[in-house]
Amino acid sequence: MDERQWIHAIQRGEKTYLEDIAEKYYDDIFRFCAFQTGNGEEACDLAQETFLRALIHLADLEDLSPSQRRAWLRKTARNLWIDSLRKHSRETYPGEEALKLFSFEEDFTRGQVAGLLNCLPPEEGPLFRMRYFEGYNATELGEIFDLPAGTVRSRLSSARIRLQKMLKE
C-alpha cells in the first residue's frame, strides 16, 4: 500500500497495516522497552520511536513472517535504546555515583538494579538483561543480536565481572 492508498484507507476508517502491527506487537515491544530502560516514560518514548521506524519500513515488514516482524521490532527498539545510551554516556556515566552508596548487604530495589545494569556498556547490558531476567540462552541471544554464541558468552562474562566489581566498591 503506497502513501496515498494508506491515507484513503484511514479516511474510510479502514484498519491500516501499521495499526494491525501496532495492535499485535505494541504490548510486547513496550514491555521489552520497559525492561531495557527500567522506566515507563522512557519505555513509552522508545516504543513510539520503534513504531515510527516501522512506519518508514512498512514495505519491508509486509514481507516478513510474524516472528520475523516481532524480531525486527525488538531489534529496532534495542538499537534505538543503545543509541540513546551512547548519547547519554557521552554526557555522564549513568548511576556511577549512586553505585558507590550501595553496600553489598543491601536489598536492591528495581530502580537500583536498573541503575547497576545501566552502568554496563551498551554491548553488554541488553545481553545481560535478556539472559538473566528474560531467560534467553547464548544461542538465542546470538541469533537476536546477530553475534556468535561465543561472543555472547564472553560479553556476559565481562558483564558479570563488571557488576561484581561495582558491588564490591
Foldseek 3Di string as FASTA:
>chain_A
DDPVVQVVCVVVVHQDPLNVCCVVAVVVQLVLLCLLQVDNVRSVVLSVVLSVVCVVVVVVLVPDDPVVNNLSSSLSSLVVVLVVLVVVVVVPQFLLVVLVVDALPDDDDSVRVSRLLSNQRSVQSSLLSCVPPVPDALPVVCVSNVHPSVVSVVSPVVSVVSSVVSNHD
